[in-house]
Every structure is written in C-alpha cells, then in structure tokens.
Amino acid sequence: MVGRERKELAEQAGDVPVQSGRWRQRMRDWLTALGLAVALALLIRIFALEAYRIPSPSMEQTLLVGDFVLVSKLHYGPRMPMSLGLPFTAWYVPGVALPYLRLPGFTEIRRGDVIVFNYPVETGPIDRKTHYIKRVVGLPGDTLWIRDKVVYVNGRPFPDPDLVQQRWMLQLRPGARLSPDSLRALGARNVSRSAYRAGLLFFDATVAVARHIAHLSAVDTLRPYSAAALLQGAAARKARREEDRGPIYIPGRGDTLYLTPRTWPFYRELLIRFEGHQIYPRPDGTFLIDGRPGRFCVIRQDYYYVMGDNRDNSLDSRAWGLVPADHVVGKALLVYLSWDPEQHRIRWNRLFRPVR
C-alpha cells in the first residue's frame, strides 16, 4: 500500500520519469506509424501504382502539359528495382546493377497502349533514367512503315485515336482571308503564317478538326505538313526520304536478326547497348560479332516502337529507336489532376479522365 500511494503521489506531482516515459511511448508510436506509412507507400509505388506529371506537349491532345497521370504497374507486371538507393530520392549506389526481374501482370503490352518507360538513350541504371510517356505503335514481330506521314503496321494503316494531332498546311484561295483567331476557335493550335509564301498557314489539329476547316470557303487546299512539299527537285526528294521510315522489323525475344549494311545503323544501339554484343562492320559487308564473322544475332528481349500523339512535336522511336522490355514501367490509366500552367488554374474537365 505504501508503494502504491507513493506512485500515485508522484504522478499527481508530475514526476519527470513518468512524463518522460509517456513521451517516449508516444514517439515510438509516431515512428512506428510513420515507418508503416513509408513502407506501404514504397510497396504501392514498386508493385502497384505511381504518379507522373506531363512536362511536355509531345502527347497532345491525349495528354496536356500539367496533367498528372496515374500509371499501373500491375497490368504488365511490377518490375523489381534494378539499382540500390534511397526510396523517393535520386540517390543510388553507383556501379551496382541488380538483375532484371518482372512479376506476372494482368495483360501483355498491346498496340495502342499509352505506356511509361525509362528513356533508353540515357546512361546509368535503367530504373534511374528519365521517365517518358508515348503510345505503342509497333509490337515485337511487327513490320512498320511510315509513308507520307501515315503509319502502316504489317501493311495496314495504324488506327490513330481521335485525339492524335499533327501539323497541317493550309493554302487560302486567291484573295481570301482567314484569321488565326478563327482557326483557333475551330480547335486549331499553334497557328502561324508562312514568311515566304502568301496565303499559306500552318497549325496543329486532329484529323476531325482539320476536316472541318477544309470545308471553309476560304480554303483552297489543306494537307499534312511536309518539308518536302515546300521544296522542289533533289531537295524535295531528300526531305521525303528523311520523313519516311521503313520497312522496320521490330524484334522480339528469340528472334534472329540478319544484319546488312542497310539495317545495321538502325539496330546498332539495340544490339550493342541492350543486347550486350560487340559488333564491328567489315569492308566486305559482313560483321564481326563477338569476335566471330557473321550476320546473325539472336535477340534476348522484346522491343517496342513508340510515338507521341503530337506527331510533329515528339522525340520518339523515329528519332532514337526502340524501347526494350526492361525499360517499360507501366500503363497510363487516368488523369487524376490537371493544372493549366498558363492560366494558373485547375482544369476541372480533365479530372479522372481515362487515358485512351
């Protein structure tokens, strides 16, 4: 009884050891809750979902600058970390590369999916490279062409989504006038006039908007923008060759690539950087592959051809090549928030919009 009475008196008097013990208990509870929250956030980020912000107009009008996109890693399977570092930071241990491992997913990557991936051109650990977002146009095993700005996959035109936009050239009728503001009111973007040819305007728009503009009485001709159309003779032919692509075969796991002097420039980075081969072209048109003469290489992973929906304002597979499977992060699901950086306000009409 005496010990209990002394304890009660000590508590009533605010004895320091009792208060200190309560404070330590509260700190332990807070630290435990914080640790669990961080661990849960880390698990969700690695295995399920991750958020990204759209920084450039390369996917207009499907995705706008300032859109915040939720990306699913469950669809194609969560990719395990490929470097050692602190979570939610850019810090990692240089020189340590973990093996590529992806858990089973709900589905395979499909033609037309909008995916997030690590930029293949950069160096360093794969999962530390800059994140890009583009649309899958070609799958492993596909043969792709681009002719007159039309994408053909296995001989058929690729069915562009409605919001894909491109650059257009508009020639006015002699004496007709059409203001840039009137074009913007119809849905055109980035309208500009030619500095060298009267009555010629350029703008970005979807096919649906362009068709509507083409029916205006002031319009003489309207066609997709092409540098070749503004040139003549040999210069026009050279520009056309630079704009067109293909045929391009997109390799997949287990494929055997046959190298020629024509195909070597396109597959060079793929075979050396991502497949790990040492290849040197020889004067007779053959190649020295891993120390042996030959023309054949067996591919160890799948590759994908991707393009931005803003076709004339996007750095994609047309510029830097194919996306390896080990660079794929996940599938873009929806826009959960959108901030207009010019108007400094939320775009309420874009909230929770699915990415298609």
Protein backbone atom coordinates (compact mmCIF):
# COMPACT_ATOMS: atom_id res chain seq x y z
CA MET A 1 0.00 0.00 0.00
CA VAL A 2 2.79 2.41 0.81
CA GLY A 3 4.46 1.85 -2.61
CA ARG A 4 1.17 2.40 -4.44
CA GLU A 5 0.46 5.59 -2.52
CA ARG A 6 3.93 6.91 -3.33
CA LYS A 7 3.42 6.16 -7.06
CA GLU A 8 0.06 7.97 -7.08
CA LEU A 9 1.56 10.97 -5.29
CA ALA A 10 4.46 11.03 -7.78
CA GLU A 11 2.08 11.00 -10.73
CA GLN A 12 -0.05 13.78 -9.19
CA ALA A 13 3.07 15.85 -8.62
CA GLY A 14 4.11 15.49 -12.27
CA ASP A 15 7.21 13.45 -11.58
CA VAL A 16 9.63 13.71 -14.56
CA PRO A 17 10.36 9.99 -15.07
CA VAL A 18 6.64 9.21 -15.58
CA GLN A 19 6.17 12.06 -18.10
CA SER A 20 9.38 11.10 -19.89
CA GLY A 21 8.16 7.52 -20.22
CA ARG A 22 4.87 8.68 -21.73
CA TRP A 23 6.72 10.93 -24.20
CA ARG A 24 8.98 8.08 -25.30
CA GLN A 25 5.96 5.84 -25.80
CA ARG A 26 4.27 8.47 -27.95
CA MET A 27 7.42 8.91 -30.01
CA ARG A 28 7.65 5.17 -30.55
CA ASP A 29 4.01 5.10 -31.66
CA TRP A 30 4.55 8.00 -34.08
CA LEU A 31 7.74 6.49 -35.50
CA THR A 32 6.04 3.11 -35.94
CA ALA A 33 3.11 4.72 -37.75
CA LEU A 34 5.49 6.74 -39.94
CA GLY A 35 7.56 3.68 -40.77
CA LEU A 36 4.47 1.69 -41.71
CA ALA A 37 3.21 4.56 -43.89
CA VAL A 38 6.55 4.84 -45.70
CA ALA A 39 6.74 1.08 -46.19
CA LEU A 40 3.18 0.97 -47.52
CA ALA A 41 3.83 3.88 -49.91
CA LEU A 42 7.01 2.18 -51.10
CA LEU A 43 5.23 -1.13 -51.71
CA ILE A 44 2.43 0.60 -53.63
CA ARG A 45 4.95 2.52 -55.72
CA ILE A 46 7.00 -0.59 -56.55
CA PHE A 47 4.23 -3.11 -57.07
CA ALA A 48 1.03 -1.25 -57.97
CA LEU A 49 0.71 2.45 -58.87
CA GLU A 50 2.87 5.51 -59.43
CA ALA A 51 2.03 9.10 -60.32
CA TYR A 52 3.73 11.20 -63.00
CA ARG A 53 3.36 14.76 -64.30
CA ILE A 54 3.30 15.53 -68.02
CA PRO A 55 6.07 18.12 -68.67
CA SER A 56 5.92 18.48 -72.48
CA PRO A 57 3.33 18.69 -75.29
CA SER A 58 4.50 15.51 -77.07
CA MET A 59 1.25 13.66 -76.24
CA GLU A 60 -1.23 16.44 -77.06
CA GLN A 61 -4.14 16.30 -77.20
CA THR A 62 -4.43 12.99 -75.37
CA LEU A 63 -2.34 14.38 -72.50
CA LEU A 64 -1.65 18.06 -71.86
CA VAL A 65 1.22 19.80 -70.11
CA GLY A 66 0.32 19.87 -66.42
CA ASP A 67 -1.68 16.63 -66.41
CA PHE A 68 -0.94 14.29 -63.50
CA VAL A 69 -1.22 10.68 -64.65
CA LEU A 70 -1.70 7.52 -62.61
CA VAL A 71 0.34 4.63 -64.00
CA SER A 72 -0.43 0.98 -63.30
CA LYS A 73 2.46 -1.43 -62.80
CA LEU A 74 0.10 -4.34 -62.28
CA HIS A 75 -1.02 -4.52 -65.92
CA TYR A 76 2.34 -5.62 -67.36
CA GLY A 77 3.75 -6.89 -64.08
CA PRO A 78 5.74 -4.97 -61.44
CA ARG A 79 9.41 -4.55 -62.31
CA MET A 80 11.74 -5.18 -59.41
CA PRO A 81 14.30 -2.46 -58.51
CA MET A 82 17.39 -2.54 -60.73
CA SER A 83 19.57 -0.29 -58.54
CA LEU A 84 20.28 0.21 -54.84
CA GLY A 85 19.30 3.60 -53.46
CA LEU A 86 17.14 5.60 -51.10
CA PRO A 87 13.40 5.43 -51.80
CA PHE A 88 11.74 8.61 -53.16
CA THR A 89 15.17 10.17 -53.87
CA ALA A 90 17.59 10.35 -56.79
CA TRP A 91 20.44 8.89 -54.71
CA TYR A 92 21.73 5.42 -55.58
CA VAL A 93 24.89 3.36 -55.24
CA PRO A 94 26.95 3.77 -58.44
CA GLY A 95 28.17 0.64 -60.14
CA VAL A 96 25.61 -1.70 -58.56
CA ALA A 97 23.14 -3.18 -61.08
CA LEU A 98 20.51 -5.69 -59.97
CA PRO A 99 19.25 -8.32 -62.45
CA TYR A 100 16.09 -7.58 -64.44
CA LEU A 101 13.04 -9.31 -62.96
CA ARG A 102 9.37 -8.65 -63.69
CA LEU A 103 6.49 -10.31 -61.84
CA PRO A 104 3.48 -11.63 -63.79
CA GLY A 105 0.96 -8.99 -64.88
CA PHE A 106 -2.70 -8.85 -65.86
CA THR A 107 -2.05 -8.45 -69.58
CA GLU A 108 0.59 -8.07 -72.27
CA ILE A 109 1.54 -4.75 -73.85
CA ARG A 110 -0.90 -4.11 -76.69
CA ARG A 111 -0.67 -1.99 -79.79
CA GLY A 112 -2.19 1.40 -78.98
CA ASP A 113 -1.41 1.33 -75.23
CA VAL A 114 -0.01 4.51 -73.68
CA ILE A 115 3.00 3.43 -71.63
CA VAL A 116 5.56 4.99 -69.32
CA PHE A 117 9.17 3.86 -69.79
CA ASN A 118 12.72 4.86 -68.95
CA TYR A 119 14.39 6.87 -71.71
CA PRO A 120 16.64 4.33 -73.47
CA VAL A 121 19.20 6.86 -74.73
CA GLU A 122 20.38 7.84 -71.24
CA THR A 123 23.16 6.01 -69.42
CA GLY A 124 23.18 4.72 -65.86
CA PRO A 125 20.85 2.30 -64.04
CA ILE A 126 17.72 1.61 -66.08
CA ASP A 127 15.24 2.44 -63.32
CA ARG A 128 17.02 5.77 -62.65
CA LYS A 129 16.65 7.07 -66.21
CA THR A 130 14.16 9.83 -67.09
CA HIS A 131 10.56 8.71 -67.49
CA TYR A 132 8.91 9.17 -70.90
CA ILE A 133 5.32 8.54 -71.95
CA LYS A 134 4.33 7.54 -75.51
CA ARG A 135 1.88 5.36 -77.42
CA VAL A 136 2.86 1.85 -78.55
CA VAL A 137 2.60 1.65 -82.33
CA GLY A 138 4.62 -1.48 -83.10
CA LEU A 139 4.92 -4.75 -81.17
CA PRO A 140 7.59 -7.48 -81.33
CA GLY A 141 7.24 -9.24 -84.67
CA ASP A 142 5.60 -6.29 -86.45
CA THR A 143 6.93 -4.67 -89.62
CA LEU A 144 6.37 -0.94 -89.73
CA TRP A 145 6.42 1.70 -92.48
CA ILE A 146 5.79 5.44 -92.45
CA ARG A 147 4.79 6.85 -95.84
CA ASP A 148 3.52 10.40 -96.39
CA LYS A 149 3.07 10.67 -92.59
CA VAL A 150 0.77 7.63 -92.48
CA VAL A 151 1.91 4.77 -90.20
CA TYR A 152 1.47 1.27 -91.60
CA VAL A 153 1.83 -1.80 -89.39
CA ASN A 154 2.05 -5.14 -91.19
CA GLY A 155 0.71 -3.48 -94.33
CA ARG A 156 -2.31 -1.83 -92.69
CA PRO A 157 -2.74 1.80 -91.56
CA PHE A 158 -2.37 2.20 -87.81
CA PRO A 159 -5.74 3.30 -86.36
CA ASP A 160 -4.85 6.59 -84.68
CA PRO A 161 -7.00 7.60 -81.68
CA ASP A 162 -9.29 10.59 -82.24
CA LEU A 163 -7.11 12.96 -80.18
CA VAL A 164 -3.89 12.38 -82.13
CA GLN A 165 -2.83 15.65 -83.73
CA GLN A 166 -0.35 16.65 -86.41
CA ARG A 167 0.89 19.69 -88.31
CA TRP A 168 -1.19 20.87 -91.29
CA MET A 169 -0.57 23.22 -94.23
CA LEU A 170 -3.46 25.40 -95.40
CA GLN A 171 -3.42 27.30 -98.68
CA LEU A 172 -6.02 30.06 -99.00
CA ARG A 173 -7.90 30.79 -102.19
CA PRO A 174 -6.58 33.83 -104.12
CA GLY A 175 -7.83 36.98 -102.43
CA ALA A 176 -9.42 35.08 -99.49
CA ARG A 177 -8.69 35.85 -95.87
CA LEU A 178 -8.76 33.68 -92.76
CA SER A 179 -7.59 34.93 -89.38
CA PRO A 180 -5.58 32.77 -86.97
CA ASP A 181 -8.17 33.52 -84.27
CA SER A 182 -10.92 31.96 -86.38
CA LEU A 183 -8.82 28.81 -86.79
CA ARG A 184 -8.18 28.66 -83.05
CA ALA A 185 -11.91 28.98 -82.43
CA LEU A 186 -12.41 25.82 -84.52
CA GLY A 187 -9.84 23.86 -82.46
CA ALA A 188 -6.54 24.57 -84.23
CA ARG A 189 -3.40 25.08 -82.12
CA ASN A 190 -0.10 26.86 -82.68
CA VAL A 191 -1.33 28.72 -85.76
CA SER A 192 1.35 30.55 -87.78
CA ARG A 193 1.68 32.15 -91.20
CA SER A 194 4.30 31.39 -93.83
CA ALA A 195 7.02 34.00 -94.03
CA TYR A 196 7.80 33.09 -97.64
CA ARG A 197 4.52 32.24 -99.36
CA ALA A 198 1.36 34.35 -99.30
CA GLY A 199 -1.83 32.70 -98.12
CA LEU A 200 -0.10 29.71 -96.52
CA LEU A 201 -0.84 28.92 -92.87
CA PHE A 202 0.36 26.17 -90.55
CA PHE A 203 -1.40 24.77 -87.49
CA ASP A 204 -1.68 21.69 -85.25
CA ALA A 205 -5.01 19.85 -85.14
CA THR A 206 -6.69 16.47 -85.03
CA VAL A 207 -7.98 14.90 -88.23
CA ALA A 208 -11.57 15.77 -87.26
CA VAL A 209 -10.74 19.46 -86.77
CA ALA A 210 -8.73 19.56 -90.00
CA ARG A 211 -11.63 18.10 -91.98
CA HIS A 212 -13.95 20.76 -90.60
CA ILE A 213 -11.51 23.53 -91.51
CA ALA A 214 -11.05 22.10 -95.01
CA HIS A 215 -14.72 22.83 -95.79
CA LEU A 216 -14.36 26.57 -95.17
CA SER A 217 -14.96 28.62 -98.29
CA ALA A 218 -11.65 30.45 -97.92
CA VAL A 219 -9.61 27.23 -98.05
CA ASP A 220 -8.08 26.14 -101.34
CA THR A 221 -6.08 23.08 -100.15
CA LEU A 222 -5.34 21.50 -96.79
CA ARG A 223 -2.84 18.68 -96.33
CA PRO A 224 -0.48 17.30 -93.69
CA TYR A 225 2.65 19.39 -93.23
CA SER A 226 5.68 18.11 -95.08
CA ALA A 227 9.01 19.81 -95.60
CA ALA A 228 9.23 18.03 -98.97
CA ALA A 229 6.05 19.79 -100.16
CA LEU A 230 7.76 23.15 -99.69
CA LEU A 231 10.80 22.16 -101.75
CA GLN A 232 11.50 21.11 -105.32
CA GLY A 233 13.70 18.68 -107.20
CA ALA A 234 16.52 16.89 -105.40
CA ALA A 235 15.91 18.82 -102.17
CA ALA A 236 12.30 17.62 -102.09
CA ARG A 237 13.32 14.00 -102.73
CA LYS A 238 15.91 14.14 -99.96
CA ALA A 239 13.40 15.61 -97.50
CA ARG A 240 10.91 12.89 -98.42
CA ARG A 241 13.45 10.15 -97.70
CA GLU A 242 14.16 11.70 -94.29
CA GLU A 243 10.46 11.92 -93.40
CA ASP A 244 9.57 8.38 -94.49
CA ARG A 245 10.59 5.30 -92.48
CA GLY A 246 10.82 1.60 -93.12
CA PRO A 247 10.35 -1.11 -93.61
CA ILE A 248 11.40 -1.62 -89.97
CA TYR A 249 11.18 -5.05 -88.36
CA ILE A 250 10.60 -4.88 -84.58
CA PRO A 251 12.43 -7.81 -82.98
CA GLY A 252 11.21 -9.91 -80.09
CA ARG A 253 12.71 -12.40 -77.70
CA GLY A 254 14.17 -15.39 -79.56
CA ASP A 255 14.22 -13.68 -82.96
CA THR A 256 17.30 -13.92 -85.16
CA LEU A 257 18.28 -10.62 -86.80
CA TYR A 258 20.00 -10.71 -90.17
CA LEU A 259 22.38 -7.76 -90.42
CA THR A 260 23.08 -5.87 -93.62
CA PRO A 261 24.76 -2.51 -94.27
CA ARG A 262 21.23 -1.06 -94.66
CA THR A 263 19.75 -2.43 -91.40
CA TRP A 264 22.90 -2.07 -89.27
CA PRO A 265 22.51 1.68 -88.50
CA PHE A 266 19.01 1.16 -87.09
CA TYR A 267 19.84 -1.90 -84.94
CA ARG A 268 23.32 -0.78 -83.87
CA GLU A 269 22.40 0.72 -80.48
CA LEU A 270 19.92 -2.07 -79.76
CA LEU A 271 22.47 -4.83 -80.31
CA ILE A 272 25.39 -3.15 -78.55
CA ARG A 273 23.75 -1.36 -75.61
CA PHE A 274 20.73 -3.53 -74.79
CA GLU A 275 21.74 -6.96 -76.09
CA GLY A 276 25.38 -6.73 -74.97
CA HIS A 277 27.04 -7.74 -78.25
CA GLN A 278 30.33 -6.46 -79.62
CA ILE A 279 29.78 -5.89 -83.34
CA TYR A 280 32.02 -4.29 -85.95
CA PRO A 281 31.12 -3.87 -89.64
CA ARG A 282 33.69 -5.18 -92.12
CA PRO A 283 34.63 -3.75 -95.55
CA ASP A 284 33.12 -6.75 -97.39
CA GLY A 285 29.64 -6.10 -95.94
CA THR A 286 29.84 -8.79 -93.25
CA PHE A 287 30.21 -8.21 -89.50
CA LEU A 288 32.48 -9.29 -86.68
CA ILE A 289 30.03 -10.40 -83.96
CA ASP A 290 31.52 -11.15 -80.54
CA GLY A 291 34.84 -11.95 -82.18
CA ARG A 292 33.43 -14.14 -84.95
CA PRO A 293 32.47 -13.23 -88.53
CA GLY A 294 28.77 -13.49 -89.24
CA ARG A 295 25.49 -11.72 -89.98
CA PHE A 296 23.08 -13.20 -87.43
CA CYS A 297 22.21 -12.12 -83.86
CA VAL A 298 19.74 -13.80 -81.51
CA ILE A 299 17.57 -11.32 -79.55
CA ARG A 300 17.15 -11.80 -75.79
CA GLN A 301 14.19 -9.49 -75.01
CA ASP A 302 11.17 -7.83 -76.63
CA TYR A 303 11.22 -4.34 -78.18
CA TYR A 304 8.53 -1.77 -78.93
CA TYR A 305 8.12 1.11 -81.40
CA VAL A 306 6.52 4.13 -79.73
CA MET A 307 5.31 7.52 -80.97
CA GLY A 308 3.91 10.65 -79.38
CA ASP A 309 0.31 11.60 -80.17
CA ASN A 310 1.56 15.07 -81.13
CA ARG A 311 3.16 13.54 -84.20
CA ASP A 312 5.14 16.55 -85.42
CA ASN A 313 6.35 17.63 -81.98
CA SER A 314 7.61 14.45 -80.36
CA LEU A 315 11.01 12.82 -79.93
CA ASP A 316 10.23 9.12 -80.08
CA SER A 317 11.25 5.89 -81.83
CA ARG A 318 11.57 7.79 -85.11
CA ALA A 319 14.49 9.69 -83.56
CA TRP A 320 16.16 7.33 -81.08
CA GLY A 321 14.96 3.79 -81.80
CA LEU A 322 13.07 1.06 -79.98
CA VAL A 323 12.09 0.67 -76.31
CA PRO A 324 13.46 -2.51 -74.65
CA ALA A 325 11.10 -4.51 -72.47
CA ASP A 326 13.25 -4.00 -69.37
CA HIS A 327 12.74 -0.21 -69.71
CA VAL A 328 8.92 -0.41 -69.54
CA VAL A 329 7.46 0.89 -66.26
CA GLY A 330 3.71 0.55 -66.68
CA LYS A 331 0.46 1.53 -68.39
CA ALA A 332 -1.06 5.02 -68.13
CA LEU A 333 -4.58 4.70 -66.68
CA LEU A 334 -6.11 8.10 -65.97
CA VAL A 335 -5.55 11.80 -65.39
CA TYR A 336 -6.28 12.32 -61.70
CA LEU A 337 -5.34 16.03 -61.66
CA SER A 338 -4.63 18.68 -64.30
CA TRP A 339 -3.03 22.08 -63.77
CA ASP A 340 -3.01 24.68 -66.53
CA PRO A 341 0.46 26.32 -66.27
CA GLU A 342 -0.59 29.29 -68.44
CA GLN A 343 -3.91 30.11 -66.76
CA HIS A 344 -2.65 29.02 -63.30
CA ARG A 345 -5.78 27.07 -62.50
CA ILE A 346 -7.10 23.52 -62.32
CA ARG A 347 -8.62 22.03 -65.48
CA TRP A 348 -11.70 20.60 -63.80
CA ASN A 349 -12.99 18.99 -67.02
CA ARG A 350 -9.92 16.72 -67.20
CA LEU A 351 -10.08 15.26 -63.70
CA PHE A 352 -10.32 11.44 -63.60
CA ARG A 353 -10.30 11.22 -67.40
CA PRO A 354 -9.17 7.78 -68.68
CA VAL A 355 -6.12 7.66 -70.92
CA ARG A 356 -7.09 6.06 -74.22
